[in-house]
Amino acid sequence: MKKKAFVLLEDGTIFHGSSIGLDGTVTGEICFNTGMSGYQEIFTDPSYKGQLMVTANVHIGNYGIADEDSENDQVQISGLIMRNFSEFQSRPRSNGKTLKELLKANDIVAISDVDTRALVKHIRNNGSQNALISTRADEISSLRHLLDQTPSMVGLELCSHVSTVKRYSLGDENSDFKIVALDLGIKKSILSCLVNLGCHIIVFPYDTSFKTLHAENPDGYFLSNGPGDPSASPKIIEIVKQIIVSGIPTFGICLGHQMIALASGLTTYKMHNGHRGINHPVKNLLTGKGEITSQNHGFAVSMKDLESISNVELTHIHLNDETVAGISRNDFPVFSVQYHPEASPGPHDSHYLFQEFIDLIKSK
């Protein structure tokens, strides 16, 4: 017989479910991802640090785990909520490794048999909020105080929890393109995209000084994705300001995009729900073409601010809600997008952005 478990939201709403065998209680900001595949990549994405993940896909765990699909060496979500959980796998490439084994190795509390359709609709209508999941189903009342102690994502700095602690490099050292990447919570597949284009990449911790970064004499700077409130990291914003005015080609994605915006005088805000999934439609305003994108963010850049700042141009727009999906500077070789062009998981419509970064370097 399955052990009872539950989800308790900050607004007092409770959803009941079952433990998958990993007991405990965890808190965090609850969010949902609409992707129909790629659960391993999602769970290991550092951008999800501090969040409880609700999967919109009904079946989770059914194709197991493959080591090469992890975006980080650790599972990054705080907890997992799903409808149907499979302890078995049907993909030969997983070599028999199961999602349950991965979650257990990372001490991740996960619950199943939750009405995730109703839960996703509740979050969609009421907005993202803190929540608690627990296998201690008989202690709901006594656990409520833990939610009061859970910090809001607004004003929360999380880069320091996911960034590398030491410098490392990837790719051919004799490459024509040396890229310095600031790790705000970088994914392995992003680095692979750059390596595949012939780049030598040197990855630095999130708080590395501009002097240290610039001493590498890079051909380009890359600002990665990551978790938390971008405005809660003023030191990173100052570093990015110096990167921009250096005149060296710079490309930012997701949190890196937001840091470029903040360093350029724009502001960011907490979204009602955020964008998390692999089917988000974006229009490239420079080409007129549409692309389906992989996104994962709870903050966005102010569209209103763009109207009053002349040296920042809107390049991409999200077609569902007309939020900012990409910007560029017209005074420095700098551009960024709000989504994940490496698309892991997701479609490859946006891979061209990495080549545009290389082309920008070549033009200097």
Protein backbone atom coordinates (compact mmCIF):
# COMPACT_ATOMS: atom_id res chain seq x y z
CA MET A 1 0.00 0.00 0.00
CA LYS A 2 1.34 3.43 -0.96
CA LYS A 3 2.26 5.92 1.74
CA LYS A 4 0.21 9.11 1.71
CA ALA A 5 1.81 12.45 0.87
CA PHE A 6 0.60 15.97 0.12
CA VAL A 7 1.31 19.38 -1.40
CA LEU A 8 0.52 22.44 0.71
CA LEU A 9 0.49 25.80 -1.08
CA GLU A 10 1.10 29.19 0.50
CA ASP A 11 -2.53 30.16 -0.12
CA GLY A 12 -3.64 27.20 2.02
CA THR A 13 -4.70 24.88 -0.81
CA ILE A 14 -3.84 21.20 -0.33
CA PHE A 15 -3.38 18.51 -2.98
CA HIS A 16 -3.04 14.89 -1.89
CA GLY A 17 -0.88 12.18 -3.38
CA SER A 18 1.46 9.29 -2.59
CA SER A 19 5.12 8.94 -1.68
CA ILE A 20 7.32 7.17 -4.21
CA GLY A 21 9.44 5.89 -1.33
CA LEU A 22 11.67 8.88 -0.59
CA ASP A 23 10.40 10.29 2.69
CA GLY A 24 10.80 13.86 3.90
CA THR A 25 9.52 17.43 3.81
CA VAL A 26 10.81 20.20 1.52
CA THR A 27 9.77 23.73 0.66
CA GLY A 28 10.35 26.04 -2.30
CA GLU A 29 8.63 28.02 -5.01
CA ILE A 30 6.19 25.80 -6.86
CA CYS A 31 6.22 25.94 -10.66
CA PHE A 32 5.22 23.76 -13.59
CA ASN A 33 6.90 22.68 -16.81
CA THR A 34 4.77 21.90 -19.86
CA GLY A 35 7.39 19.81 -21.67
CA MET A 36 6.28 16.35 -22.78
CA SER A 37 9.83 14.97 -22.64
CA GLY A 38 13.23 15.74 -21.18
CA TYR A 39 12.48 15.29 -17.48
CA GLN A 40 16.12 14.41 -16.69
CA GLU A 41 17.43 17.58 -18.33
CA ILE A 42 14.78 19.64 -16.51
CA PHE A 43 15.50 18.19 -13.08
CA THR A 44 19.27 18.75 -13.44
CA ASP A 45 18.99 22.32 -14.81
CA PRO A 46 20.58 24.73 -12.25
CA SER A 47 17.99 27.36 -13.21
CA TYR A 48 15.48 25.35 -11.15
CA LYS A 49 17.39 25.73 -7.89
CA GLY A 50 15.01 26.36 -5.00
CA GLN A 51 11.88 25.25 -6.85
CA LEU A 52 9.33 22.47 -6.49
CA MET A 53 8.64 21.07 -9.96
CA VAL A 54 5.19 20.04 -11.13
CA THR A 55 5.33 18.08 -14.38
CA ALA A 56 2.43 18.70 -16.77
CA ASN A 57 3.26 15.46 -18.58
CA VAL A 58 1.27 12.61 -17.02
CA HIS A 59 3.99 9.94 -17.22
CA ILE A 60 7.39 10.52 -15.57
CA GLY A 61 10.27 8.04 -15.27
CA ASN A 62 9.14 5.75 -18.07
CA TYR A 63 12.30 6.06 -20.19
CA GLY A 64 14.81 5.92 -17.37
CA ILE A 65 18.02 7.91 -16.98
CA ALA A 66 21.06 8.26 -19.26
CA ASP A 67 24.19 9.80 -17.73
CA GLU A 68 24.95 11.95 -20.77
CA ASP A 69 21.55 13.68 -20.56
CA SER A 70 22.19 15.37 -17.19
CA GLU A 71 22.79 19.13 -17.40
CA ASN A 72 24.59 19.13 -14.05
CA ASP A 73 26.20 16.55 -11.80
CA GLN A 74 23.36 16.99 -9.30
CA VAL A 75 19.57 17.16 -9.39
CA GLN A 76 18.77 20.84 -8.90
CA ILE A 77 15.04 20.93 -8.17
CA SER A 78 14.07 20.98 -4.48
CA GLY A 79 11.24 18.50 -4.91
CA LEU A 80 9.10 16.77 -7.54
CA ILE A 81 5.33 16.49 -7.96
CA MET A 82 3.81 14.27 -10.67
CA ARG A 83 0.76 12.28 -11.72
CA ASN A 84 2.07 8.83 -12.69
CA PHE A 85 5.51 7.61 -11.70
CA SER A 86 7.24 4.67 -13.37
CA GLU A 87 9.93 2.75 -11.51
CA PHE A 88 10.84 0.95 -14.72
CA GLN A 89 12.35 2.15 -17.97
CA SER A 90 12.00 1.24 -21.60
CA ARG A 91 15.02 2.89 -23.22
CA PRO A 92 18.09 0.73 -23.94
CA ARG A 93 20.39 3.77 -23.71
CA SER A 94 19.55 4.17 -20.01
CA ASN A 95 21.27 0.84 -19.22
CA GLY A 96 18.63 0.04 -16.64
CA LYS A 97 19.12 3.24 -14.61
CA THR A 98 15.88 4.57 -13.15
CA LEU A 99 14.68 8.01 -12.19
CA LYS A 100 13.98 6.75 -8.68
CA GLU A 101 17.66 5.85 -8.28
CA LEU A 102 18.68 9.34 -9.43
CA LEU A 103 16.27 11.04 -7.03
CA LYS A 104 17.35 8.83 -4.14
CA ALA A 105 21.04 9.48 -4.80
CA ASN A 106 20.32 13.23 -4.60
CA ASP A 107 17.96 13.05 -1.56
CA ILE A 108 15.05 14.51 -3.55
CA VAL A 109 11.57 14.14 -2.09
CA ALA A 110 9.08 13.24 -4.82
CA ILE A 111 5.37 12.47 -4.71
CA SER A 112 3.02 10.97 -7.29
CA ASP A 113 -0.71 10.34 -7.77
CA VAL A 114 -1.36 14.08 -7.51
CA ASP A 115 -4.06 15.64 -9.71
CA THR A 116 -1.42 17.65 -11.56
CA ARG A 117 -3.94 18.93 -14.11
CA ALA A 118 -5.86 20.66 -11.31
CA LEU A 119 -2.63 21.78 -9.61
CA VAL A 120 -1.20 23.33 -12.79
CA LYS A 121 -4.49 25.17 -13.40
CA HIS A 122 -4.42 26.44 -9.81
CA ILE A 123 -0.87 27.77 -10.16
CA ARG A 124 -1.71 29.24 -13.58
CA ASN A 125 -4.70 31.11 -12.17
CA ASN A 126 -3.25 32.14 -8.81
CA GLY A 127 0.40 32.68 -9.71
CA SER A 128 3.64 31.15 -8.54
CA GLN A 129 3.99 30.92 -4.77
CA ASN A 130 5.87 29.03 -2.12
CA ALA A 131 4.73 25.53 -1.28
CA LEU A 132 5.62 22.48 0.76
CA ILE A 133 5.57 18.79 -0.12
CA SER A 134 5.77 16.11 2.53
CA THR A 135 5.29 12.42 3.16
CA ARG A 136 4.22 13.23 6.72
CA ALA A 137 0.54 13.29 5.78
CA ASP A 138 -0.67 13.22 9.37
CA GLU A 139 1.25 16.38 10.28
CA ILE A 140 -0.19 18.93 7.84
CA SER A 141 -1.12 21.46 10.53
CA SER A 142 2.19 21.27 12.35
CA LEU A 143 4.17 21.74 9.14
CA ARG A 144 2.49 24.98 8.06
CA HIS A 145 5.06 27.08 9.92
CA LEU A 146 7.77 25.88 7.53
CA LEU A 147 6.12 27.81 4.69
CA ASP A 148 6.40 31.04 6.68
CA GLN A 149 10.16 30.48 6.93
CA THR A 150 10.62 29.89 3.19
CA PRO A 151 12.13 32.95 1.49
CA SER A 152 10.37 34.54 -1.47
CA MET A 153 12.04 34.16 -4.86
CA VAL A 154 11.83 37.96 -5.14
CA GLY A 155 15.15 39.31 -3.88
CA LEU A 156 16.69 35.84 -3.64
CA GLU A 157 20.26 35.36 -4.92
CA LEU A 158 20.94 31.76 -5.94
CA CYS A 159 23.88 31.91 -8.37
CA SER A 160 26.31 31.29 -5.51
CA HIS A 161 24.58 27.93 -4.86
CA VAL A 162 25.00 26.55 -8.37
CA SER A 163 28.06 28.18 -9.95
CA THR A 164 31.37 26.39 -10.30
CA VAL A 165 33.78 27.08 -7.44
CA LYS A 166 36.84 27.04 -9.64
CA ARG A 167 37.92 27.89 -13.17
CA TYR A 168 37.88 25.13 -15.79
CA SER A 169 38.13 24.88 -19.57
CA LEU A 170 36.67 22.89 -22.43
CA GLY A 171 37.46 22.53 -26.12
CA ASP A 172 40.63 22.85 -28.16
CA GLU A 173 43.09 25.32 -26.63
CA ASN A 174 44.38 26.06 -30.14
CA SER A 175 40.95 27.12 -31.38
CA ASP A 176 40.52 30.42 -33.21
CA PHE A 177 37.82 31.40 -30.71
CA LYS A 178 38.49 31.80 -27.01
CA ILE A 179 35.29 32.31 -25.02
CA VAL A 180 35.14 33.33 -21.37
CA ALA A 181 31.90 32.09 -19.81
CA LEU A 182 30.54 33.49 -16.55
CA ASP A 183 28.83 30.56 -14.81
CA LEU A 184 25.56 31.77 -13.27
CA GLY A 185 24.19 28.22 -13.37
CA ILE A 186 25.35 26.96 -16.73
CA LYS A 187 24.09 23.79 -18.45
CA LYS A 188 26.48 21.25 -19.94
CA SER A 189 24.68 21.20 -23.30
CA ILE A 190 25.23 24.95 -23.72
CA LEU A 191 28.96 24.43 -23.41
CA SER A 192 28.73 21.53 -25.87
CA CYS A 193 27.09 23.80 -28.46
CA LEU A 194 30.00 26.22 -28.27
CA VAL A 195 32.62 23.47 -28.31
CA ASN A 196 30.95 21.95 -31.38
CA LEU A 197 31.46 25.28 -33.15
CA GLY A 198 35.19 25.08 -32.50
CA CYS A 199 35.42 27.24 -29.37
CA HIS A 200 37.85 27.00 -26.52
CA ILE A 201 35.81 27.91 -23.43
CA ILE A 202 37.10 29.01 -20.06
CA VAL A 203 34.39 28.89 -17.40
CA PHE A 204 34.64 31.12 -14.32
CA PRO A 205 32.69 31.35 -11.04
CA TYR A 206 29.79 33.80 -10.96
CA ASP A 207 31.59 36.45 -8.88
CA THR A 208 34.92 36.53 -10.75
CA SER A 209 36.20 40.08 -11.17
CA PHE A 210 36.25 41.66 -14.62
CA LYS A 211 40.00 42.14 -14.26
CA THR A 212 40.48 38.37 -13.93
CA LEU A 213 38.10 37.61 -16.79
CA HIS A 214 39.67 40.16 -19.10
CA ALA A 215 43.18 38.92 -18.34
CA GLU A 216 42.32 35.84 -20.44
CA ASN A 217 42.17 38.13 -23.50
CA PRO A 218 38.97 36.47 -24.77
CA ASP A 219 37.46 36.81 -28.23
CA GLY A 220 33.99 36.73 -26.69
CA TYR A 221 32.09 36.64 -23.42
CA PHE A 222 29.20 34.29 -22.66
CA LEU A 223 26.75 34.93 -19.79
CA SER A 224 24.86 31.80 -18.82
CA ASN A 225 21.44 30.88 -17.54
CA GLY A 226 20.85 30.55 -13.80
CA PRO A 227 18.35 30.73 -10.92
CA GLY A 228 16.98 33.43 -8.65
CA ASP A 229 16.11 37.11 -8.89
CA PRO A 230 18.55 38.87 -11.26
CA SER A 231 18.26 42.18 -9.38
CA ALA A 232 19.50 40.45 -6.21
CA SER A 233 23.04 40.20 -7.65
CA PRO A 234 24.40 43.78 -7.90
CA LYS A 235 28.00 42.54 -8.00
CA ILE A 236 27.29 40.49 -11.14
CA ILE A 237 25.51 43.45 -12.73
CA GLU A 238 28.62 45.59 -12.20
CA ILE A 239 30.83 42.90 -13.74
CA VAL A 240 28.51 42.73 -16.75
CA LYS A 241 28.64 46.52 -17.15
CA GLN A 242 32.41 46.28 -17.49
CA ILE A 243 32.11 43.37 -19.92
CA ILE A 244 29.76 45.39 -22.13
CA VAL A 245 31.90 48.52 -22.33
CA SER A 246 35.01 46.42 -23.07
CA GLY A 247 33.72 46.21 -26.64
CA ILE A 248 34.27 42.45 -26.83
CA PRO A 249 31.37 40.49 -28.40
CA THR A 250 29.02 39.25 -25.68
CA PHE A 251 26.13 36.78 -25.76
CA GLY A 252 23.77 36.16 -22.84
CA ILE A 253 20.89 33.74 -22.32
CA CYS A 254 18.13 33.59 -19.71
CA LEU A 255 19.62 35.00 -16.48
CA GLY A 256 22.59 36.26 -18.51
CA HIS A 257 20.09 38.10 -20.73
CA GLN A 258 18.52 39.70 -17.66
CA MET A 259 21.92 40.72 -16.32
CA ILE A 260 22.70 42.44 -19.64
CA ALA A 261 19.35 44.25 -19.42
CA LEU A 262 19.98 45.41 -15.84
CA ALA A 263 23.52 46.51 -16.74
CA SER A 264 22.01 48.51 -19.62
CA GLY A 265 19.60 50.46 -17.41
CA LEU A 266 16.50 48.30 -17.84
CA THR A 267 14.58 46.68 -14.98
CA THR A 268 13.24 43.19 -14.39
CA TYR A 269 10.08 41.99 -12.67
CA LYS A 270 8.61 38.78 -11.21
CA MET A 271 6.16 37.19 -13.61
CA HIS A 272 2.76 35.82 -12.61
CA ASN A 273 3.86 32.33 -13.63
CA GLY A 274 6.94 32.49 -15.77
CA HIS A 275 7.73 30.48 -18.90
CA ARG A 276 8.78 26.87 -18.43
CA GLY A 277 8.53 24.40 -21.28
CA ILE A 278 9.81 23.43 -24.72
CA ASN A 279 7.08 24.87 -26.95
CA HIS A 280 7.19 28.65 -26.45
CA PRO A 281 6.65 30.65 -29.67
CA VAL A 282 9.03 33.55 -30.28
CA LYS A 283 9.26 35.97 -33.19
CA ASN A 284 12.63 37.22 -34.37
CA LEU A 285 11.88 40.85 -35.20
CA LEU A 286 15.09 41.20 -37.22
CA THR A 287 14.20 38.43 -39.68
CA GLY A 288 10.45 38.18 -39.26
CA LYS A 289 10.77 34.45 -38.65
CA GLY A 290 9.13 32.51 -35.85
CA GLU A 291 10.81 29.88 -33.72
CA ILE A 292 9.67 27.40 -31.10
CA THR A 293 11.86 27.75 -28.03
CA SER A 294 12.79 26.09 -24.77
CA GLN A 295 12.27 28.44 -21.82
CA ASN A 296 12.75 28.40 -18.07
CA HIS A 297 12.43 31.69 -16.22
CA GLY A 298 10.24 33.37 -13.60
CA PHE A 299 11.51 36.92 -14.16
CA ALA A 300 11.39 39.07 -17.29
CA VAL A 301 12.77 42.33 -18.65
CA SER A 302 10.45 45.35 -18.63
CA MET A 303 9.04 46.08 -22.08
CA LYS A 304 8.10 49.61 -20.99
CA ASP A 305 11.73 50.43 -20.14
CA LEU A 306 12.80 49.60 -23.69
CA GLU A 307 10.70 52.49 -24.98
CA SER A 308 12.80 55.03 -23.08
CA ILE A 309 16.32 53.64 -23.61
CA SER A 310 17.70 54.40 -27.05
CA ASN A 311 20.80 52.18 -27.06
CA VAL A 312 18.93 48.92 -26.44
CA GLU A 313 16.88 47.32 -29.23
CA LEU A 314 14.11 44.73 -28.93
CA THR A 315 15.07 41.80 -31.20
CA HIS A 316 12.73 38.97 -30.13
CA ILE A 317 9.24 38.91 -28.66
CA HIS A 318 7.29 36.10 -26.96
CA LEU A 319 4.13 35.57 -29.00
CA ASN A 320 1.95 34.26 -26.15
CA ASP A 321 2.15 37.32 -23.93
CA GLU A 322 4.31 39.81 -25.88
CA THR A 323 7.06 39.84 -23.26
CA VAL A 324 10.70 40.64 -24.07
CA ALA A 325 12.43 37.57 -25.53
CA GLY A 326 15.61 39.16 -26.88
CA ILE A 327 17.57 42.42 -26.95
CA SER A 328 20.74 43.85 -28.42
CA ARG A 329 22.89 46.91 -27.80
CA ASN A 330 23.36 49.26 -30.76
CA ASP A 331 26.47 50.85 -29.26
CA PHE A 332 28.36 47.65 -28.32
CA PRO A 333 28.50 44.12 -29.85
CA VAL A 334 26.16 42.63 -27.26
CA PHE A 335 22.97 40.58 -27.65
CA SER A 336 20.89 38.22 -25.54
CA VAL A 337 17.75 36.08 -25.47
CA GLN A 338 15.39 35.11 -22.67
CA TYR A 339 15.29 31.47 -23.68
CA HIS A 340 17.64 28.46 -23.96
CA PRO A 341 18.91 28.15 -27.56
CA GLU A 342 20.73 24.89 -26.83
CA ALA A 343 17.21 23.45 -26.33
CA SER A 344 17.99 20.59 -24.02
CA PRO A 345 15.28 19.45 -23.97
CA GLY A 346 13.42 21.10 -26.82
CA PRO A 347 13.44 22.03 -30.51
CA HIS A 348 16.57 23.21 -32.30
CA ASP A 349 15.02 26.28 -33.95
CA SER A 350 17.30 28.62 -32.00
CA HIS A 351 20.67 26.95 -32.56
CA TYR A 352 21.48 29.68 -35.07
CA LEU A 353 22.16 32.09 -32.20
CA PHE A 354 25.41 30.35 -31.32
CA GLN A 355 26.57 30.77 -34.92
CA GLU A 356 25.55 34.43 -34.82
CA PHE A 357 27.77 34.80 -31.76
CA ILE A 358 30.70 33.30 -33.66
CA ASP A 359 29.96 35.49 -36.69
CA LEU A 360 29.95 38.56 -34.45
CA ILE A 361 33.38 37.57 -33.12
CA LYS A 362 34.68 37.05 -36.65
CA SER A 363 33.50 40.51 -37.67
CA LYS A 364 35.59 42.24 -35.00
